[in-house]
């Protein structure tokens, strides 16, 4: 009977989509990036920043959700 065990991936570099990630506790994950643009608040008064994070497309984050600046 042939061995049907899958090839091990330990030590290999892989690619996958962010949408396919399962995070048991996503509240523990913190990203860091550079702000490249920000909104003026517009008529609604909501302020957002556009952030470049290495390896991700540009992210939009509500200004009040920023944890800290470095």
PDB file of N, CA and C in Angstrom:
ATOM      1  N   UNK A   1       0.845  -1.174   0.000  1.00  0.00           N
ATOM      2  CA  UNK A   1       0.000   0.000   0.000  1.00  0.00           C
ATOM      3  C   UNK A   1       0.894   1.243   0.000  1.00  0.00           C
ATOM      4  N   UNK A   2       0.702   2.174  -0.956  1.00  0.00           N
ATOM      5  CA  UNK A   2       1.553   3.368  -1.016  1.00  0.00           C
ATOM      6  C   UNK A   2       1.315   4.290   0.172  1.00  0.00           C
ATOM      7  N   UNK A   3       2.377   4.984   0.546  1.00  0.00           N
ATOM      8  CA  UNK A   3       2.283   5.948   1.641  1.00  0.00           C
ATOM      9  C   UNK A   3       1.500   7.167   1.161  1.00  0.00           C
ATOM     10  N   UNK A   4       0.370   7.447   1.796  1.00  0.00           N
ATOM     11  CA  UNK A   4      -0.469   8.574   1.376  1.00  0.00           C
ATOM     12  C   UNK A   4      -0.284   9.807   2.255  1.00  0.00           C
ATOM     13  N   UNK A   5       0.719   9.801   3.128  1.00  0.00           N
ATOM     14  CA  UNK A   5       0.961  10.956   3.985  1.00  0.00           C
ATOM     15  C   UNK A   5       1.439  12.128   3.132  1.00  0.00           C
ATOM     16  N   UNK A   6       0.899  13.344   3.380  1.00  0.00           N
ATOM     17  CA  UNK A   6       1.344  14.497   2.587  1.00  0.00           C
ATOM     18  C   UNK A   6       2.794  14.869   2.898  1.00  0.00           C
ATOM     19  N   UNK A   7       3.422  15.468   1.916  1.00  0.00           N
ATOM     20  CA  UNK A   7       4.805  15.942   2.071  1.00  0.00           C
ATOM     21  C   UNK A   7       4.838  16.983   3.185  1.00  0.00           C
ATOM     22  N   UNK A   8       5.840  16.930   4.033  1.00  0.00           N
ATOM     23  CA  UNK A   8       5.953  17.896   5.122  1.00  0.00           C
ATOM     24  C   UNK A   8       6.305  19.281   4.576  1.00  0.00           C
ATOM     25  N   UNK A   9       5.763  20.300   5.184  1.00  0.00           N
ATOM     26  CA  UNK A   9       6.047  21.683   4.798  1.00  0.00           C
ATOM     27  C   UNK A   9       6.913  22.402   5.825  1.00  0.00           C
ATOM     28  N   UNK A  10       7.276  21.714   6.893  1.00  0.00           N
ATOM     29  CA  UNK A  10       8.085  22.325   7.944  1.00  0.00           C
ATOM     30  C   UNK A  10       9.381  22.853   7.349  1.00  0.00           C
ATOM     31  N   UNK A  11       9.679  24.119   7.600  1.00  0.00           N
ATOM     32  CA  UNK A  11      10.891  24.747   7.088  1.00  0.00           C
ATOM     33  C   UNK A  11      10.754  25.355   5.711  1.00  0.00           C
ATOM     34  N   UNK A  12       9.613  25.153   5.039  1.00  0.00           N
ATOM     35  CA  UNK A  12       9.383  25.689   3.694  1.00  0.00           C
ATOM     36  C   UNK A  12       8.737  27.065   3.787  1.00  0.00           C
ATOM     37  N   UNK A  13       9.002  27.920   2.821  1.00  0.00           N
ATOM     38  CA  UNK A  13       8.335  29.212   2.703  1.00  0.00           C
ATOM     39  C   UNK A  13       7.082  29.011   1.860  1.00  0.00           C
ATOM     40  N   UNK A  14       5.970  29.555   2.317  1.00  0.00           N
ATOM     41  CA  UNK A  14       4.704  29.401   1.597  1.00  0.00           C
ATOM     42  C   UNK A  14       4.058  30.761   1.365  1.00  0.00           C
ATOM     43  N   UNK A  15       3.078  30.802   0.477  1.00  0.00           N
ATOM     44  CA  UNK A  15       2.262  31.989   0.257  1.00  0.00           C
ATOM     45  C   UNK A  15       0.816  31.623   0.512  1.00  0.00           C
ATOM     46  N   UNK A  16       0.061  32.578   1.063  1.00  0.00           N
ATOM     47  CA  UNK A  16      -1.360  32.363   1.316  1.00  0.00           C
ATOM     48  C   UNK A  16      -2.042  33.719   1.417  1.00  0.00           C
ATOM     49  N   UNK A  17      -3.359  33.721   1.298  1.00  0.00           N
ATOM     50  CA  UNK A  17      -4.123  34.967   1.351  1.00  0.00           C
ATOM     51  C   UNK A  17      -4.519  35.288   2.789  1.00  0.00           C
ATOM     52  N   UNK A  18      -4.571  36.566   3.108  1.00  0.00           N
ATOM     53  CA  UNK A  18      -4.968  37.007   4.446  1.00  0.00           C
ATOM     54  C   UNK A  18      -6.359  36.486   4.779  1.00  0.00           C
ATOM     55  N   UNK A  19      -7.251  36.447   3.801  1.00  0.00           N
ATOM     56  CA  UNK A  19      -8.620  35.982   4.035  1.00  0.00           C
ATOM     57  C   UNK A  19      -8.653  34.522   4.488  1.00  0.00           C
ATOM     58  N   UNK A  20      -7.607  33.755   4.213  1.00  0.00           N
ATOM     59  CA  UNK A  20      -7.554  32.344   4.575  1.00  0.00           C
ATOM     60  C   UNK A  20      -6.911  32.082   5.941  1.00  0.00           C
ATOM     61  N   UNK A  21      -6.519  33.132   6.635  1.00  0.00           N
ATOM     62  CA  UNK A  21      -5.874  32.973   7.939  1.00  0.00           C
ATOM     63  C   UNK A  21      -6.928  32.720   9.014  1.00  0.00           C
ATOM     64  N   UNK A  22      -6.647  31.772   9.872  1.00  0.00           N
ATOM     65  CA  UNK A  22      -7.467  31.550  11.064  1.00  0.00           C
ATOM     66  C   UNK A  22      -6.658  32.045  12.255  1.00  0.00           C
ATOM     67  N   UNK A  23      -7.165  33.062  12.932  1.00  0.00           N
ATOM     68  CA  UNK A  23      -6.488  33.595  14.107  1.00  0.00           C
ATOM     69  C   UNK A  23      -7.314  33.255  15.344  1.00  0.00           C
ATOM     70  N   UNK A  24      -6.816  32.361  16.190  1.00  0.00           N
ATOM     71  CA  UNK A  24      -7.579  32.011  17.385  1.00  0.00           C
ATOM     72  C   UNK A  24      -7.923  33.225  18.250  1.00  0.00           C
ATOM     73  N   UNK A  25      -7.027  34.205  18.326  1.00  0.00           N
ATOM     74  CA  UNK A  25      -7.300  35.423  19.095  1.00  0.00           C
ATOM     75  C   UNK A  25      -6.790  36.624  18.314  1.00  0.00           C
ATOM     76  N   UNK A  26      -7.584  37.121  17.342  1.00  0.00           N
ATOM     77  CA  UNK A  26      -7.112  38.210  16.487  1.00  0.00           C
ATOM     78  C   UNK A  26      -6.850  39.512  17.229  1.00  0.00           C
ATOM     79  N   UNK A  27      -7.342  39.646  18.448  1.00  0.00           N
ATOM     80  CA  UNK A  27      -7.115  40.873  19.218  1.00  0.00           C
ATOM     81  C   UNK A  27      -5.664  41.014  19.662  1.00  0.00           C
ATOM     82  N   UNK A  28      -4.895  39.940  19.565  1.00  0.00           N
ATOM     83  CA  UNK A  28      -3.490  39.967  19.956  1.00  0.00           C
ATOM     84  C   UNK A  28      -2.571  40.412  18.822  1.00  0.00           C
ATOM     85  N   UNK A  29      -3.070  40.403  17.586  1.00  0.00           N
ATOM     86  CA  UNK A  29      -2.248  40.749  16.432  1.00  0.00           C
ATOM     87  C   UNK A  29      -2.169  42.263  16.271  1.00  0.00           C
ATOM     88  N   UNK A  30      -0.956  42.792  16.178  1.00  0.00           N
ATOM     89  CA  UNK A  30      -0.739  44.227  15.985  1.00  0.00           C
ATOM     90  C   UNK A  30       0.147  44.396  14.753  1.00  0.00           C
ATOM     91  N   UNK A  31      -0.297  45.225  13.814  1.00  0.00           N
ATOM     92  CA  UNK A  31       0.491  45.521  12.625  1.00  0.00           C
ATOM     93  C   UNK A  31       1.148  46.881  12.778  1.00  0.00           C
ATOM     94  N   UNK A  32       2.217  47.084  12.031  1.00  0.00           N
ATOM     95  CA  UNK A  32       2.939  48.347  12.040  1.00  0.00           C
ATOM     96  C   UNK A  32       3.145  48.775  10.600  1.00  0.00           C
ATOM     97  N   UNK A  33       2.908  50.045  10.324  1.00  0.00           N
ATOM     98  CA  UNK A  33       3.098  50.549   8.978  1.00  0.00           C
ATOM     99  C   UNK A  33       3.270  52.052   8.966  1.00  0.00           C
ATOM    100  N   UNK A  34       3.520  52.576   7.774  1.00  0.00           N
ATOM    101  CA  UNK A  34       3.770  54.004   7.586  1.00  0.00           C
ATOM    102  C   UNK A  34       2.528  54.664   7.023  1.00  0.00           C
ATOM    103  N   UNK A  35       2.084  55.755   7.652  1.00  0.00           N
ATOM    104  CA  UNK A  35       0.939  56.509   7.162  1.00  0.00           C
ATOM    105  C   UNK A  35       1.365  57.271   5.910  1.00  0.00           C
ATOM    106  N   UNK A  36       0.634  57.056   4.806  1.00  0.00           N
ATOM    107  CA  UNK A  36       0.966  57.712   3.549  1.00  0.00           C
ATOM    108  C   UNK A  36      -0.083  58.750   3.147  1.00  0.00           C
ATOM    109  N   UNK A  37      -1.230  58.742   3.814  1.00  0.00           N
ATOM    110  CA  UNK A  37      -2.275  59.733   3.532  1.00  0.00           C
ATOM    111  C   UNK A  37      -3.270  59.712   4.677  1.00  0.00           C
ATOM    112  N   UNK A  38      -4.032  60.791   4.833  1.00  0.00           N
ATOM    113  CA  UNK A  38      -5.094  60.813   5.824  1.00  0.00           C
ATOM    114  C   UNK A  38      -6.245  61.671   5.348  1.00  0.00           C
ATOM    115  N   UNK A  39      -7.432  61.332   5.834  1.00  0.00           N
ATOM    116  CA  UNK A  39      -8.619  62.079   5.428  1.00  0.00           C
ATOM    117  C   UNK A  39      -8.719  63.372   6.228  1.00  0.00           C
ATOM    118  N   UNK A  40      -9.504  64.318   5.707  1.00  0.00           N
ATOM    119  CA  UNK A  40      -9.707  65.580   6.412  1.00  0.00           C
ATOM    120  C   UNK A  40     -10.945  65.540   7.297  1.00  0.00           C
ATOM    121  N   UNK A  41     -11.606  64.418   7.350  1.00  0.00           N
ATOM    122  CA  UNK A  41     -12.796  64.275   8.166  1.00  0.00           C
ATOM    123  C   UNK A  41     -14.080  64.480   7.395  1.00  0.00           C
ATOM    124  N   UNK A  42     -14.042  65.235   6.311  1.00  0.00           N
ATOM    125  CA  UNK A  42     -15.230  65.457   5.495  1.00  0.00           C
ATOM    126  C   UNK A  42     -16.405  65.974   6.306  1.00  0.00           C
ATOM    127  N   UNK A  43     -17.580  65.851   5.757  1.00  0.00           N
ATOM    128  CA  UNK A  43     -18.769  66.370   6.441  1.00  0.00           C
ATOM    129  C   UNK A  43     -19.206  65.477   7.599  1.00  0.00           C
ATOM    130  N   UNK A  44     -18.775  64.229   7.599  1.00  0.00           N
ATOM    131  CA  UNK A  44     -19.153  63.301   8.665  1.00  0.00           C
ATOM    132  C   UNK A  44     -18.227  63.412   9.881  1.00  0.00           C
ATOM    133  N   UNK A  45     -17.063  64.007   9.706  1.00  0.00           N
ATOM    134  CA  UNK A  45     -16.123  64.178  10.797  1.00  0.00           C
ATOM    135  C   UNK A  45     -15.286  62.946  11.122  1.00  0.00           C
ATOM    136  N   UNK A  46     -15.426  61.861  10.335  1.00  0.00           N
ATOM    137  CA  UNK A  46     -14.634  60.653  10.577  1.00  0.00           C
ATOM    138  C   UNK A  46     -13.256  60.823   9.956  1.00  0.00           C
ATOM    139  N   UNK A  47     -12.240  60.506  10.706  1.00  0.00           N
ATOM    140  CA  UNK A  47     -10.864  60.631  10.227  1.00  0.00           C
ATOM    141  C   UNK A  47     -10.267  59.240  10.027  1.00  0.00           C
ATOM    142  N   UNK A  48      -9.648  59.044   8.862  1.00  0.00           N
ATOM    143  CA  UNK A  48      -9.008  57.773   8.531  1.00  0.00           C
ATOM    144  C   UNK A  48      -7.608  58.032   8.029  1.00  0.00           C
ATOM    145  N   UNK A  49      -6.735  57.025   8.177  1.00  0.00           N
ATOM    146  CA  UNK A  49      -5.393  57.102   7.625  1.00  0.00           C
ATOM    147  C   UNK A  49      -5.198  55.937   6.661  1.00  0.00           C
ATOM    148  N   UNK A  50      -4.386  56.165   5.643  1.00  0.00           N
ATOM    149  CA  UNK A  50      -3.992  55.119   4.702  1.00  0.00           C
ATOM    150  C   UNK A  50      -2.590  54.693   5.112  1.00  0.00           C
ATOM    151  N   UNK A  51      -2.411  53.389   5.316  1.00  0.00           N
ATOM    152  CA  UNK A  51      -1.166  52.881   5.879  1.00  0.00           C
ATOM    153  C   UNK A  51      -0.538  51.852   4.944  1.00  0.00           C
ATOM    154  N   UNK A  52       0.764  51.969   4.712  1.00  0.00           N
ATOM    155  CA  UNK A  52       1.529  50.957   3.980  1.00  0.00           C
ATOM    156  C   UNK A  52       2.111  49.990   4.997  1.00  0.00           C
ATOM    157  N   UNK A  53       1.732  48.727   4.862  1.00  0.00           N
ATOM    158  CA  UNK A  53       2.243  47.663   5.716  1.00  0.00           C
ATOM    159  C   UNK A  53       2.985  46.693   4.805  1.00  0.00           C
ATOM    160  N   UNK A  54       4.205  46.372   5.155  1.00  0.00           N
ATOM    161  CA  UNK A  54       5.013  45.480   4.326  1.00  0.00           C
ATOM    162  C   UNK A  54       4.279  44.172   4.067  1.00  0.00           C
ATOM    163  N   UNK A  55       4.165  43.817   2.781  1.00  0.00           N
ATOM    164  CA  UNK A  55       3.549  42.557   2.392  1.00  0.00           C
ATOM    165  C   UNK A  55       2.039  42.589   2.256  1.00  0.00           C
ATOM    166  N   UNK A  56       1.407  43.730   2.516  1.00  0.00           N
ATOM    167  CA  UNK A  56      -0.046  43.864   2.401  1.00  0.00           C
ATOM    168  C   UNK A  56      -0.392  45.008   1.462  1.00  0.00           C
ATOM    169  N   UNK A  57      -1.606  44.988   0.893  1.00  0.00           N
ATOM    170  CA  UNK A  57      -2.052  46.177   0.162  1.00  0.00           C
ATOM    171  C   UNK A  57      -2.240  47.320   1.162  1.00  0.00           C
ATOM    172  N   UNK A  58      -2.338  48.527   0.678  1.00  0.00           N
ATOM    173  CA  UNK A  58      -2.554  49.658   1.586  1.00  0.00           C
ATOM    174  C   UNK A  58      -3.802  49.420   2.434  1.00  0.00           C
ATOM    175  N   UNK A  59      -3.690  49.750   3.704  1.00  0.00           N
ATOM    176  CA  UNK A  59      -4.775  49.535   4.657  1.00  0.00           C
ATOM    177  C   UNK A  59      -5.380  50.883   5.049  1.00  0.00           C
ATOM    178  N   UNK A  60      -6.672  50.893   5.303  1.00  0.00           N
ATOM    179  CA  UNK A  60      -7.353  52.093   5.791  1.00  0.00           C
ATOM    180  C   UNK A  60      -7.760  51.821   7.227  1.00  0.00           C
ATOM    181  N   UNK A  61      -7.343  52.721   8.121  1.00  0.00           N
ATOM    182  CA  UNK A  61      -7.583  52.549   9.554  1.00  0.00           C
ATOM    183  C   UNK A  61      -8.228  53.822  10.105  1.00  0.00           C
ATOM    184  N   UNK A  62      -9.271  53.651  10.915  1.00  0.00           N
ATOM    185  CA  UNK A  62      -9.864  54.800  11.597  1.00  0.00           C
ATOM    186  C   UNK A  62      -8.826  55.386  12.543  1.00  0.00           C
ATOM    187  N   UNK A  63      -8.701  56.693  12.505  1.00  0.00           N
ATOM    188  CA  UNK A  63      -7.667  57.356  13.306  1.00  0.00           C
ATOM    189  C   UNK A  63      -7.779  57.017  14.796  1.00  0.00           C
ATOM    190  N   UNK A  64      -9.002  56.889  15.295  1.00  0.00           N
ATOM    191  CA  UNK A  64      -9.173  56.609  16.723  1.00  0.00           C
ATOM    192  C   UNK A  64      -8.774  55.177  17.098  1.00  0.00           C
ATOM    193  N   UNK A  65      -8.512  54.325  16.101  1.00  0.00           N
ATOM    194  CA  UNK A  65      -8.105  52.944  16.352  1.00  0.00           C
ATOM    195  C   UNK A  65      -6.593  52.770  16.365  1.00  0.00           C
ATOM    196  N   UNK A  66      -5.836  53.848  16.103  1.00  0.00           N
ATOM    197  CA  UNK A  66      -4.373  53.787  16.162  1.00  0.00           C
ATOM    198  C   UNK A  66      -3.946  53.565  17.612  1.00  0.00           C
ATOM    199  N   UNK A  67      -3.124  52.550  17.839  1.00  0.00           N
ATOM    200  CA  UNK A  67      -2.681  52.224  19.202  1.00  0.00           C
ATOM    201  C   UNK A  67      -1.628  53.202  19.697  1.00  0.00           C
ATOM    202  N   UNK A  68      -0.639  53.496  18.858  1.00  0.00           N
ATOM    203  CA  UNK A  68       0.400  54.447  19.226  1.00  0.00           C
ATOM    204  C   UNK A  68       1.181  54.852  17.987  1.00  0.00           C
ATOM    205  N   UNK A  69       1.920  55.925  18.077  1.00  0.00           N
ATOM    206  CA  UNK A  69       2.803  56.340  16.987  1.00  0.00           C
ATOM    207  C   UNK A  69       4.237  56.102  17.428  1.00  0.00           C
ATOM    208  N   UNK A  70       5.085  55.791  16.477  1.00  0.00           N
ATOM    209  CA  UNK A  70       6.487  55.491  16.771  1.00  0.00           C
ATOM    210  C   UNK A  70       7.376  56.574  16.249  1.00  0.00           C
TER     211      UNK A  70
END
